[in-house]
Amino acid sequence: QVQMAESGGGLVQVGGSLRLSCAASGIMFVINAMGWYRQAPGKQRELVATITSGGSTNYADSVKGRFTISRDNAKNSVYLQMKSLKPEDTAVYYCHVDLTVVPGIGLPPEIVRNWGQGTLVTVSL
């Protein structure tokens, strides 16, 4: 069973920095993309950043130039370095890992997404 452990959230002042970490364990399949989403109060969950197994990255426009996503394949971990934080960055941040799973003999592989439990980031004035 895949387990995801997130850490690094907390309270920070405007302009400050935080680094989120997410480690996956119990991995029995190939990990493809990893990434971060966030959900602010009263809003839908939105993409923050993703990183492929080859290291290609994608960012939401709102965080480009401020956030950096990285991964350590040996540790099955993904990280999010956040700088120049703004009040609108306040949200619960969720990491995910996408696994290639073969559901059965002769069946095509499929991508299964696993989510972390979320970590709260609060940016205060």
Foldseek 3Di string as FASTA:
>chain_A
DKAKDKDWADEAAQQAKIKIKIFIPPDPFDWFKKAKWWDDPPGDIGGAKMATPVGDMDGDPVQPPFKDKDADVVRRMIMIIGGSDDQVVWTWMKMKIWGFAAPDPPGHTDIDIDIHPTDTHGYHD
